Amino acid sequence: MRTKGLRGALAADTEIGAGNVLARVLAHGADPQGPGLTFDTAVDGHPAEQPLTLGQLDERIAARAAWLHERGVRPRDPVAVWATGAADMVLSFLALARLGAVPALMNGKLRPEIAAEYIRRLRAVGVLADAAHADLLGGHDLGAPLLGRPAEAGGGDPAAAPAHYRHHDDDPVVVTHTSGTTGVPKAVLHSHASLFAATRHLLSMPQAQGTGRILSALPAPHTATVLMVNQALGNRAEMFLLSEQGGERVLDAIQRWRPDGVFGFSVTWAELARFDLSGYDLASVRLWFNTGDCSHEPHVRRLVAVGSRDVMTRAGVTRVRGSVFIDGLGSSEMGHSMFHVTHTTDSDRYGRCVGRPYEFARVAVLDPDGNELPPGQVGWLGIDSPSLFRGYWNDSLTTYRSRLRGWYLTGDLVRADADGRYYHLDRAVDSVDAGDGRWFFTALSEERILASCPDVTDCTVVIVRAGDTVVTDVLLELAAGADPERNRDPAVRAALGPDLGATLRRVLPVRADDIPVTVTGKVRKVALRERYLSEAPS
């Protein structure tokens, strides 16, 4: 079946969901010799960076399903997976989903004591961990046995795999976790239907350019990777998944593998912006797709200046210089980015604009009581979407506290304009109520500083309130060759504006390693505030 017809058939398939995309793609007649997935490590003797066909991928999943079934894994059994390699994560997810079990994918950068506590709270029936992470778990009470290494499961007999579990829409299909900015991350549960809702919508639309040969720079255990794997399988696209998402690693992979689309988080684009991109061969890239936190204007502008894209002219489709950057705002709980805005070299709509919501989502700006606010007013972002998570695993208290009058509260502060575009101002926990109706926003301040200081590649704004006093510290990551002794205080103060600028205490050049981040690369501003709170005047 041709890809266009297959995509339509999948979008209309009432049986398909996040737990059985591979099986349904094959059932609809996709060529087993067509593209499966490509990993940066070897898979069961198959060389690294050599694509697995769709048929080979299905066989490797069946082998793992058989191995897990022999060890007693059954439908609805939660199984924790803690590893570094993208292959370990993705293949384990697909195999456990085939059994109807519930894979709980864990970021490999969690601290061991946090990982152990997270596994205990899952009440897992078993744990898959690669050798390095199994060692880290040694001596910790997990409440569950170690089943083995994810790669060991490849030794199962594909012929012995049980029939594919028949999912119901409401069946749990995967648990991923939040970034864990304040401690043990929250365990985010998605269902068979919820985690396919956005993909179903996208399959019903024309396939976007830059989605035929994808380089995934997304963290392998994240919800976004599960989404993009299923989208790639449904689109019959080629996909190369990286286990590490550092800037040099991504640039090297682009040059060697020559993708037309690169998918990642804003932290990766910030890292790429530290390089002189003109010195790299990035001509193949048509699309940069961002999810998670929305990206800053200077980072986006550097990326759209390279690569190329197709545009429609009177002479037909023409290839022009400069790529496309699709930005949005998403989270593990949202099940997909809720917004989208497209940037090219001609874009001028920045200022933390995340664009309009996707058609499958309903969004609102809310006051603390859940009342909808009109355009221009700042409030809490509320989401209602079929893609939303089903709740926090084993934590109904937190689940219900995240809901208000039928809306899921994301924890973000936003505003909308009269044209229906939304602007992300800050995470609520990072903002400061200065009184008299004034709010200070760290993310929006960072956007303004970066736009005003061309020799700064990234920055972190920390706003601390102690009693009636507010102080602001600005941490700058400088471009190569920038003078660290230069006085940037006037430029930073001007970018902050008169109210927040009046609270500026210091501007500090720092290294990237000086900034505490979560396992997904988000800056831990809570930790920074605690660090600086003792220095704030009383």
Protein backbone atom coordinates (compact mmCIF):
# COMPACT_ATOMS: atom_id res chain seq x y z
CA MET A 1 0.00 0.00 0.00
CA ARG A 2 1.24 3.46 -0.87
CA THR A 3 2.14 5.66 2.10
CA LYS A 4 -0.65 8.19 1.45
CA GLY A 5 -3.31 5.47 1.41
CA LEU A 6 -1.79 3.73 4.42
CA ARG A 7 -1.81 6.91 6.48
CA GLY A 8 -5.51 7.40 5.76
CA ALA A 9 -6.28 3.78 6.62
CA LEU A 10 -4.41 4.07 9.92
CA ALA A 11 -6.20 7.32 10.81
CA ALA A 12 -9.55 5.57 10.26
CA ASP A 13 -8.56 2.32 12.03
CA THR A 14 -10.65 1.94 15.20
CA GLU A 15 -8.34 -0.74 16.62
CA ILE A 16 -5.07 1.18 16.41
CA GLY A 17 -3.55 2.97 19.38
CA ALA A 18 -0.20 3.71 20.96
CA GLY A 19 0.27 0.08 21.99
CA ASN A 20 -0.06 -1.64 18.60
CA VAL A 21 1.06 0.71 15.81
CA LEU A 22 3.73 -1.68 14.51
CA ALA A 23 1.25 -4.57 14.31
CA ARG A 24 -1.46 -2.47 12.63
CA VAL A 25 0.95 -1.01 10.09
CA LEU A 26 1.88 -4.54 9.03
CA ALA A 27 -1.76 -5.66 9.09
CA HIS A 28 -2.62 -2.89 6.63
CA GLY A 29 -0.12 -4.26 4.13
CA ALA A 30 3.03 -2.21 4.72
CA ASP A 31 6.11 -3.72 3.07
CA PRO A 32 8.12 -5.72 5.64
CA GLN A 33 11.24 -4.70 3.70
CA GLY A 34 10.39 -1.03 4.23
CA PRO A 35 11.89 1.19 6.93
CA GLY A 36 11.68 0.17 10.58
CA LEU A 37 14.00 2.06 12.94
CA THR A 38 17.71 2.86 13.13
CA PHE A 39 19.65 2.97 16.39
CA ASP A 40 23.09 4.26 17.34
CA THR A 41 23.98 0.98 19.06
CA ALA A 42 23.97 -2.60 17.83
CA VAL A 43 20.73 -4.57 18.21
CA ASP A 44 21.06 -8.34 18.64
CA GLY A 45 24.12 -8.42 16.41
CA HIS A 46 22.61 -6.02 13.86
CA PRO A 47 25.19 -3.23 13.39
CA ALA A 48 24.74 0.22 14.87
CA GLU A 49 23.42 2.89 12.49
CA GLN A 50 22.23 0.24 10.02
CA PRO A 51 18.44 0.39 9.60
CA LEU A 52 16.23 -2.41 10.76
CA THR A 53 13.53 -3.16 8.23
CA LEU A 54 9.93 -3.21 9.40
CA GLY A 55 9.99 -7.00 9.35
CA GLN A 56 13.25 -7.19 11.27
CA LEU A 57 11.90 -4.74 13.84
CA ASP A 58 8.78 -6.87 14.30
CA GLU A 59 10.92 -9.99 14.78
CA ARG A 60 13.16 -8.30 17.37
CA ILE A 61 10.06 -7.15 19.27
CA ALA A 62 8.59 -10.66 19.20
CA ALA A 63 11.86 -12.06 20.61
CA ARG A 64 11.72 -9.63 23.52
CA ALA A 65 8.04 -10.28 24.13
CA ALA A 66 8.74 -14.03 24.34
CA TRP A 67 11.63 -13.49 26.77
CA LEU A 68 9.55 -11.25 29.02
CA HIS A 69 6.57 -13.61 28.90
CA GLU A 70 8.79 -16.51 29.98
CA ARG A 71 9.69 -14.43 33.05
CA GLY A 72 6.08 -14.00 34.03
CA VAL A 73 5.26 -10.57 32.62
CA ARG A 74 1.54 -10.36 31.90
CA PRO A 75 -1.01 -7.74 30.78
CA ARG A 76 -1.22 -4.64 32.98
CA ASP A 77 1.99 -5.53 34.83
CA PRO A 78 4.12 -2.40 35.38
CA VAL A 79 7.76 -3.00 34.42
CA ALA A 80 10.40 -0.31 35.03
CA VAL A 81 13.01 0.20 32.31
CA TRP A 82 16.20 2.10 33.29
CA ALA A 83 18.91 2.38 30.67
CA THR A 84 20.85 4.82 28.52
CA GLY A 85 20.54 3.41 25.00
CA ALA A 86 17.67 4.47 22.77
CA ALA A 87 17.41 0.90 21.47
CA ASP A 88 16.98 -0.48 25.00
CA MET A 89 14.20 1.98 25.73
CA VAL A 90 12.27 1.86 22.48
CA LEU A 91 12.48 -1.90 21.92
CA SER A 92 11.49 -2.57 25.54
CA PHE A 93 8.48 -0.27 25.18
CA LEU A 94 7.34 -2.00 22.00
CA ALA A 95 7.80 -5.49 23.46
CA LEU A 96 6.04 -4.75 26.74
CA ALA A 97 3.20 -3.03 24.88
CA ARG A 98 2.85 -6.11 22.69
CA LEU A 99 2.23 -8.12 25.87
CA GLY A 100 -0.25 -5.57 27.22
CA ALA A 101 2.12 -4.79 30.09
CA VAL A 102 2.86 -1.23 31.23
CA PRO A 103 6.42 -0.09 30.49
CA ALA A 104 7.63 2.60 32.88
CA LEU A 105 10.45 4.35 31.03
CA MET A 106 12.99 6.06 33.27
CA ASN A 107 15.57 8.68 32.35
CA GLY A 108 19.07 7.27 32.76
CA LYS A 109 20.29 10.43 34.50
CA LEU A 110 18.14 10.03 37.61
CA ARG A 111 20.09 9.76 40.85
CA PRO A 112 20.08 6.15 42.10
CA GLU A 113 18.22 6.92 45.32
CA ILE A 114 15.58 8.82 43.34
CA ALA A 115 15.31 6.00 40.81
CA ALA A 116 14.87 3.41 43.56
CA GLU A 117 12.14 5.43 45.27
CA TYR A 118 10.41 5.98 41.92
CA ILE A 119 10.42 2.22 41.22
CA ARG A 120 9.01 1.48 44.69
CA ARG A 121 6.17 3.93 44.11
CA LEU A 122 5.38 2.28 40.77
CA ARG A 123 4.84 -1.05 42.57
CA ALA A 124 6.53 -2.63 39.57
CA VAL A 125 6.55 -6.39 39.04
CA GLY A 126 10.08 -6.22 37.68
CA VAL A 127 12.90 -4.01 36.48
CA LEU A 128 14.90 -4.04 33.25
CA ALA A 129 18.21 -2.21 33.70
CA ASP A 130 21.38 -2.10 31.64
CA ALA A 131 24.61 -3.10 33.37
CA ALA A 132 25.56 0.41 34.50
CA HIS A 133 22.14 1.13 36.00
CA ALA A 134 21.79 -2.30 37.56
CA ASP A 135 25.01 -1.55 39.45
CA LEU A 136 23.60 1.79 40.59
CA LEU A 137 20.52 0.05 41.97
CA GLY A 138 22.59 -2.39 43.98
CA GLY A 139 21.79 -2.20 47.69
CA HIS A 140 18.52 -0.32 47.17
CA ASP A 141 15.14 -1.77 48.09
CA LEU A 142 13.15 -1.70 44.84
CA GLY A 143 10.20 -3.79 45.89
CA ALA A 144 10.64 -5.71 42.63
CA PRO A 145 13.19 -8.11 41.14
CA LEU A 146 15.70 -7.25 38.45
CA LEU A 147 14.57 -9.20 35.39
CA GLY A 148 17.81 -8.63 33.49
CA ARG A 149 19.31 -6.29 30.95
CA PRO A 150 17.05 -5.00 28.14
CA ALA A 151 19.47 -6.34 25.52
CA GLU A 152 19.26 -9.84 27.02
CA ALA A 153 15.61 -9.99 26.00
CA GLY A 154 16.73 -10.06 22.38
CA GLY A 155 17.75 -13.68 22.97
CA GLY A 156 14.12 -14.81 23.16
CA ASP A 157 12.53 -17.01 20.52
CA PRO A 158 10.29 -14.89 18.26
CA ALA A 159 8.19 -17.93 17.41
CA ALA A 160 7.36 -18.38 21.10
CA ALA A 161 5.89 -14.89 21.51
CA PRO A 162 2.24 -14.87 22.57
CA ALA A 163 -0.35 -13.30 20.32
CA HIS A 164 -0.42 -9.52 20.38
CA TYR A 165 -2.50 -8.29 23.30
CA ARG A 166 -5.77 -6.71 22.19
CA HIS A 167 -5.85 -3.28 23.79
CA HIS A 168 -8.95 -1.42 24.88
CA ASP A 169 -8.87 2.35 24.41
CA ASP A 170 -8.57 2.89 28.18
CA ASP A 171 -5.83 0.32 28.77
CA PRO A 172 -2.62 1.75 30.27
CA VAL A 173 0.10 1.71 27.63
CA VAL A 174 3.11 3.53 29.08
CA VAL A 175 4.28 5.46 32.14
CA THR A 176 6.82 8.20 31.58
CA HIS A 177 7.91 10.78 34.10
CA THR A 178 8.22 14.51 34.54
CA SER A 179 11.55 16.30 34.83
CA GLY A 180 11.62 16.10 38.61
CA THR A 181 12.49 19.72 39.34
CA THR A 182 11.72 19.32 43.05
CA GLY A 183 12.55 15.68 43.84
CA VAL A 184 11.00 12.38 42.82
CA PRO A 185 9.42 12.86 39.37
CA LYS A 186 5.71 12.32 38.86
CA ALA A 187 4.75 9.12 37.02
CA VAL A 188 2.64 10.12 34.01
CA LEU A 189 0.21 7.49 32.71
CA HIS A 190 -1.03 7.37 29.12
CA SER A 191 -3.61 5.06 27.63
CA HIS A 192 -3.77 3.22 24.34
CA ALA A 193 -6.14 5.86 22.93
CA SER A 194 -4.81 9.01 24.61
CA LEU A 195 -1.25 8.65 23.34
CA PHE A 196 -2.46 8.03 19.79
CA ALA A 197 -5.02 10.86 19.63
CA ALA A 198 -2.60 13.47 18.26
CA THR A 199 -0.98 10.96 15.88
CA ARG A 200 -4.40 9.99 14.49
CA HIS A 201 -5.11 13.65 13.77
CA LEU A 202 -1.73 14.17 12.06
CA LEU A 203 -2.15 11.03 9.92
CA SER A 204 -5.40 12.45 8.59
CA MET A 205 -3.59 15.56 7.33
CA PRO A 206 -1.08 15.95 4.46
CA GLN A 207 2.37 14.80 5.52
CA ALA A 208 4.62 17.75 6.34
CA GLN A 209 7.95 18.27 4.64
CA GLY A 210 10.87 17.22 6.79
CA THR A 211 9.13 14.11 8.13
CA GLY A 212 10.45 11.52 5.68
CA ARG A 213 13.89 10.96 7.20
CA ILE A 214 13.98 11.95 10.87
CA LEU A 215 16.82 12.33 13.32
CA SER A 216 15.44 12.07 16.85
CA ALA A 217 17.41 14.08 19.40
CA LEU A 218 14.65 13.56 21.96
CA PRO A 219 15.44 11.80 25.25
CA ALA A 220 14.59 8.15 24.60
CA PRO A 221 12.50 7.60 27.79
CA HIS A 222 10.30 10.63 27.18
CA THR A 223 6.67 10.61 26.04
CA ALA A 224 7.77 12.55 22.95
CA THR A 225 9.94 9.65 21.77
CA VAL A 226 7.07 7.17 22.04
CA LEU A 227 4.92 9.60 20.06
CA MET A 228 7.50 10.19 17.35
CA VAL A 229 8.32 6.50 16.94
CA ASN A 230 4.65 5.76 16.33
CA GLN A 231 4.36 8.71 13.95
CA ALA A 232 7.40 7.56 11.99
CA LEU A 233 6.04 4.02 11.72
CA GLY A 234 2.67 5.33 10.56
CA ASN A 235 4.27 7.71 8.04
CA ARG A 236 6.58 4.92 6.82
CA ALA A 237 9.43 7.29 7.53
CA GLU A 238 13.06 6.52 8.25
CA MET A 239 14.05 7.37 11.82
CA PHE A 240 17.46 7.40 13.50
CA LEU A 241 17.32 7.61 17.30
CA LEU A 242 20.21 9.06 19.31
CA SER A 243 20.97 7.90 22.83
CA GLU A 244 22.73 11.19 23.68
CA GLN A 245 21.48 14.63 22.65
CA GLY A 246 24.53 16.89 23.10
CA GLY A 247 25.16 19.54 20.47
CA GLU A 248 28.27 17.97 18.93
CA ARG A 249 26.62 14.56 18.82
CA VAL A 250 23.60 15.97 17.00
CA LEU A 251 25.65 17.98 14.49
CA ASP A 252 27.82 14.97 13.72
CA ALA A 253 24.74 12.78 13.18
CA ILE A 254 23.16 15.35 10.85
CA GLN A 255 26.26 15.47 8.68
CA ARG A 256 26.60 11.68 8.46
CA TRP A 257 22.97 10.61 8.27
CA ARG A 258 21.58 13.64 6.40
CA PRO A 259 18.03 13.81 7.79
CA ASP A 260 15.38 16.12 6.40
CA GLY A 261 13.93 16.64 9.88
CA VAL A 262 15.47 16.95 13.35
CA PHE A 263 13.26 16.56 16.42
CA GLY A 264 14.32 17.70 19.88
CA PHE A 265 13.86 19.81 22.99
CA SER A 266 14.77 23.46 23.45
CA VAL A 267 17.90 22.53 25.43
CA THR A 268 19.34 20.91 22.29
CA TRP A 269 18.69 23.99 20.15
CA ALA A 270 20.40 26.13 22.79
CA GLU A 271 23.44 23.86 22.59
CA LEU A 272 23.51 24.01 18.79
CA ALA A 273 23.37 27.81 18.96
CA ARG A 274 26.77 27.79 20.68
CA PHE A 275 28.38 26.55 17.44
CA ASP A 276 29.18 28.39 14.23
CA LEU A 277 26.67 26.44 12.15
CA SER A 278 28.09 27.75 8.88
CA GLY A 279 31.00 25.40 9.43
CA TYR A 280 28.76 22.30 9.27
CA ASP A 281 26.99 20.62 6.37
CA LEU A 282 23.35 20.98 7.40
CA ALA A 283 21.97 21.33 3.87
CA SER A 284 19.71 18.27 4.17
CA VAL A 285 17.61 19.74 7.00
CA ARG A 286 14.25 21.17 6.04
CA LEU A 287 12.57 21.01 9.44
CA TRP A 288 13.50 21.50 13.08
CA PHE A 289 10.66 20.36 15.35
CA ASN A 290 10.63 21.46 18.97
CA THR A 291 8.46 20.24 21.81
CA GLY A 292 8.56 20.59 25.60
CA ASP A 293 9.52 24.15 26.53
CA CYS A 294 9.18 26.71 23.75
CA SER A 295 12.44 28.01 22.28
CA HIS A 296 14.14 31.39 22.40
CA GLU A 297 14.24 33.66 19.34
CA PRO A 298 18.06 33.84 18.88
CA HIS A 299 18.33 30.02 18.94
CA VAL A 300 15.55 29.66 16.38
CA ARG A 301 17.01 32.31 14.06
CA ARG A 302 20.38 30.55 13.93
CA LEU A 303 18.74 27.27 12.95
CA VAL A 304 16.38 28.58 10.25
CA ALA A 305 19.34 30.33 8.60
CA VAL A 306 20.76 26.93 7.57
CA GLY A 307 19.28 24.10 5.53
CA SER A 308 16.58 24.60 2.90
CA ARG A 309 12.85 24.17 2.37
CA ASP A 310 10.24 23.85 -0.35
CA VAL A 311 7.96 26.81 -1.10
CA MET A 312 5.11 27.17 -3.58
CA THR A 313 5.69 29.78 -6.28
CA ARG A 314 4.02 30.58 -9.59
CA ALA A 315 6.57 28.29 -11.21
CA GLY A 316 5.61 25.45 -8.88
CA VAL A 317 7.42 24.01 -5.88
CA THR A 318 10.83 25.64 -5.49
CA ARG A 319 13.64 24.84 -3.05
CA VAL A 320 14.95 27.92 -1.23
CA ARG A 321 17.65 28.49 1.35
CA GLY A 322 16.67 28.47 4.99
CA SER A 323 14.80 25.77 6.91
CA VAL A 324 11.56 25.70 8.93
CA PHE A 325 11.35 25.62 12.72
CA ILE A 326 8.07 24.42 14.24
CA ASP A 327 7.83 25.49 17.86
CA GLY A 328 5.27 24.52 20.43
CA LEU A 329 4.61 23.95 24.08
CA GLY A 330 4.13 20.47 25.45
CA SER A 331 4.75 18.22 28.41
CA SER A 332 4.59 14.56 29.31
CA GLU A 333 1.06 15.13 30.58
CA MET A 334 -0.21 16.81 27.42
CA GLY A 335 0.51 13.79 25.21
CA HIS A 336 1.71 16.07 22.40
CA SER A 337 2.51 19.72 21.88
CA MET A 338 -0.71 21.66 22.30
CA PHE A 339 0.39 24.59 20.13
CA HIS A 340 2.32 25.19 16.96
CA VAL A 341 3.97 28.17 15.32
CA THR A 342 6.15 28.03 12.21
CA HIS A 343 9.31 30.11 11.90
CA THR A 344 11.45 30.79 8.83
CA THR A 345 14.08 33.42 8.09
CA ASP A 346 11.19 35.86 7.48
CA SER A 347 9.50 35.34 10.86
CA ASP A 348 8.92 38.25 13.18
CA ARG A 349 6.42 36.76 15.66
CA TYR A 350 8.53 35.84 18.69
CA GLY A 351 8.35 37.13 22.26
CA ARG A 352 7.53 33.63 23.58
CA CYS A 353 4.70 33.14 21.08
CA VAL A 354 3.76 29.44 20.93
CA GLY A 355 1.13 29.99 18.25
CA ARG A 356 -2.35 28.55 18.00
CA PRO A 357 -3.60 25.26 19.46
CA TYR A 358 -3.87 22.13 17.38
CA GLU A 359 -7.40 21.31 16.21
CA PHE A 360 -7.70 18.39 18.60
CA ALA A 361 -7.02 20.58 21.67
CA ARG A 362 -9.16 23.04 23.61
CA VAL A 363 -7.21 25.57 25.65
CA ALA A 364 -7.98 28.52 27.90
CA VAL A 365 -6.35 31.15 30.10
CA LEU A 366 -7.81 30.78 33.58
CA ASP A 367 -7.94 32.72 36.82
CA PRO A 368 -7.29 30.85 40.13
CA ASP A 369 -10.98 29.87 40.33
CA GLY A 370 -11.04 28.34 36.85
CA ASN A 371 -12.84 31.20 35.12
CA GLU A 372 -11.72 31.96 31.56
CA LEU A 373 -9.89 35.25 31.11
CA PRO A 374 -10.16 37.50 28.03
CA PRO A 375 -7.32 38.15 25.57
CA GLY A 376 -4.46 40.17 27.00
CA GLN A 377 -4.82 39.00 30.60
CA VAL A 378 -2.25 36.67 32.16
CA GLY A 379 -3.46 33.48 33.78
CA TRP A 380 -3.02 29.74 34.19
CA LEU A 381 -2.96 27.58 31.08
CA GLY A 382 -5.80 25.06 31.05
CA ILE A 383 -5.95 22.16 28.59
CA ASP A 384 -8.73 19.81 27.51
CA SER A 385 -7.63 17.30 24.90
CA PRO A 386 -8.12 13.62 24.04
CA SER A 387 -4.31 13.35 24.14
CA LEU A 388 -4.12 14.21 27.85
CA PHE A 389 -2.59 11.74 30.27
CA ARG A 390 -4.92 9.59 32.33
CA GLY A 391 -3.42 10.57 35.68
CA TYR A 392 -0.35 10.06 37.84
CA TRP A 393 0.34 6.39 38.47
CA ASN A 394 -0.48 5.44 42.09
CA ASP A 395 -1.05 9.10 43.00
CA SER A 396 -4.70 10.10 42.72
CA LEU A 397 -4.16 13.06 45.07
CA THR A 398 -1.76 14.80 42.69
CA THR A 399 -3.94 13.78 39.74
CA TYR A 400 -7.00 15.55 41.11
CA ARG A 401 -5.03 18.57 42.29
CA SER A 402 -3.95 19.12 38.69
CA ARG A 403 -7.58 19.48 37.56
CA LEU A 404 -9.85 22.49 37.86
CA ARG A 405 -13.40 22.68 36.53
CA GLY A 406 -12.67 20.14 33.81
CA TRP A 407 -9.31 21.65 32.81
CA TYR A 408 -5.85 20.18 33.29
CA LEU A 409 -3.62 22.88 34.76
CA THR A 410 -0.18 22.68 33.17
CA GLY A 411 1.53 24.95 35.71
CA ASP A 412 2.28 27.54 33.01
CA LEU A 413 1.37 31.22 32.92
CA VAL A 414 0.23 32.45 29.51
CA ARG A 415 -1.77 35.10 27.72
CA ALA A 416 -3.67 35.08 24.45
CA ASP A 417 -4.00 37.83 21.88
CA ALA A 418 -7.12 38.86 20.00
CA ASP A 419 -6.15 36.63 17.04
CA GLY A 420 -6.08 33.45 19.11
CA ARG A 421 -2.31 33.17 19.46
CA TYR A 422 -0.84 32.23 22.82
CA TYR A 423 2.28 33.48 24.56
CA HIS A 424 4.15 31.54 27.23
CA LEU A 425 5.46 33.82 29.97
CA ASP A 426 6.82 31.45 32.59
CA ARG A 427 6.36 28.39 34.73
CA ALA A 428 4.25 29.54 37.66
CA VAL A 429 6.79 28.22 40.19
CA ASP A 430 9.51 30.37 38.59
CA SER A 431 7.55 33.63 38.51
CA VAL A 432 7.19 36.14 41.35
CA ASP A 433 4.14 38.09 42.44
CA ALA A 434 5.59 41.53 43.16
CA GLY A 435 2.32 42.96 44.46
CA ASP A 436 0.17 45.79 43.12
CA GLY A 437 -0.80 43.59 40.18
CA ARG A 438 2.79 43.20 39.02
CA TRP A 439 4.28 39.85 38.08
CA PHE A 440 7.90 39.15 37.20
CA PHE A 441 8.58 36.35 34.71
CA THR A 442 11.90 34.56 34.35
CA ALA A 443 11.37 32.89 30.94
CA LEU A 444 10.11 36.06 29.28
CA SER A 445 13.03 37.98 30.81
CA GLU A 446 15.49 35.44 29.39
CA GLU A 447 13.95 35.87 25.94
CA ARG A 448 14.42 39.65 26.13
CA ILE A 449 18.01 39.44 27.38
CA LEU A 450 19.03 37.00 24.63
CA ALA A 451 17.43 39.21 21.99
CA SER A 452 19.35 42.24 23.34
CA CYS A 453 22.78 40.68 23.93
CA PRO A 454 24.22 39.05 20.78
CA ASP A 455 27.36 37.78 22.56
CA VAL A 456 25.24 35.73 25.00
CA THR A 457 24.29 32.21 23.86
CA ASP A 458 22.01 31.37 26.77
CA CYS A 459 20.96 32.85 30.09
CA THR A 460 19.12 32.01 33.29
CA VAL A 461 17.16 34.56 35.29
CA VAL A 462 16.60 33.88 39.01
CA ILE A 463 14.10 36.06 40.84
CA VAL A 464 13.97 35.74 44.64
CA ARG A 465 11.42 37.29 46.95
CA ALA A 466 12.37 37.62 50.62
CA GLY A 467 9.71 39.44 52.59
CA ASP A 468 8.87 42.64 50.77
CA THR A 469 12.12 42.66 48.80
CA VAL A 470 12.67 41.20 45.34
CA VAL A 471 16.15 40.65 43.93
CA THR A 472 17.12 39.38 40.50
CA ASP A 473 20.27 37.59 39.45
CA VAL A 474 21.09 37.00 35.79
CA LEU A 475 23.47 34.19 34.80
CA LEU A 476 24.95 34.54 31.31
CA GLU A 477 26.53 31.86 29.14
CA LEU A 478 28.80 33.78 26.77
CA ALA A 479 29.62 33.06 23.16
CA ALA A 480 33.11 31.86 22.32
CA GLY A 481 35.46 34.82 22.29
CA ALA A 482 33.14 37.11 24.24
CA ASP A 483 34.83 39.26 26.88
CA PRO A 484 33.78 38.02 30.35
CA GLU A 485 34.92 41.30 31.91
CA ARG A 486 32.63 43.48 29.81
CA ASN A 487 29.98 45.30 31.84
CA ARG A 488 26.65 44.00 30.53
CA ASP A 489 24.59 45.36 33.43
CA PRO A 490 23.12 48.33 31.50
CA ALA A 491 22.02 46.15 28.57
CA VAL A 492 20.53 43.51 30.86
CA ARG A 493 18.73 46.11 32.99
CA ALA A 494 17.26 47.72 29.88
CA ALA A 495 16.09 44.35 28.58
CA LEU A 496 14.39 43.57 31.90
CA GLY A 497 12.41 46.81 31.83
CA PRO A 498 12.14 49.47 34.54
CA ASP A 499 10.24 47.48 37.19
CA LEU A 500 12.24 44.26 37.12
CA GLY A 501 15.43 46.09 36.17
CA ALA A 502 15.22 48.00 39.43
CA THR A 503 15.59 44.69 41.31
CA LEU A 504 18.74 43.60 39.44
CA ARG A 505 21.44 42.62 41.92
CA ARG A 506 24.14 41.13 39.72
CA VAL A 507 24.95 39.81 36.26
CA LEU A 508 27.28 36.81 36.33
CA PRO A 509 29.04 35.08 33.43
CA VAL A 510 28.85 31.31 34.06
CA ARG A 511 29.64 28.04 32.35
CA ALA A 512 26.87 25.71 31.25
CA ASP A 513 28.08 23.22 33.87
CA ASP A 514 27.40 25.77 36.62
CA ILE A 515 23.64 25.63 35.99
CA PRO A 516 21.76 22.82 37.76
CA VAL A 517 19.42 21.04 35.35
CA THR A 518 16.88 18.25 35.54
CA VAL A 519 17.27 14.91 33.79
CA THR A 520 15.56 16.38 30.71
CA GLY A 521 17.77 19.49 30.63
CA LYS A 522 15.40 21.97 32.27
CA VAL A 523 17.08 24.50 34.54
CA ARG A 524 16.31 23.76 38.19
CA LYS A 525 15.39 27.33 39.13
CA VAL A 526 13.96 26.09 42.41
CA ALA A 527 17.46 24.95 43.38
CA LEU A 528 18.97 28.23 42.20
CA ARG A 529 16.45 30.24 44.22
CA GLU A 530 17.30 28.23 47.32
CA ARG A 531 20.98 28.87 46.68
CA TYR A 532 20.50 32.62 46.36
CA LEU A 533 17.75 33.04 48.96
CA SER A 534 20.29 33.07 51.78
CA GLU A 535 22.04 35.95 50.02
CA ALA A 536 18.91 38.02 49.50
CA PRO A 537 18.47 41.00 51.83
CA SER A 538 15.90 40.51 54.58
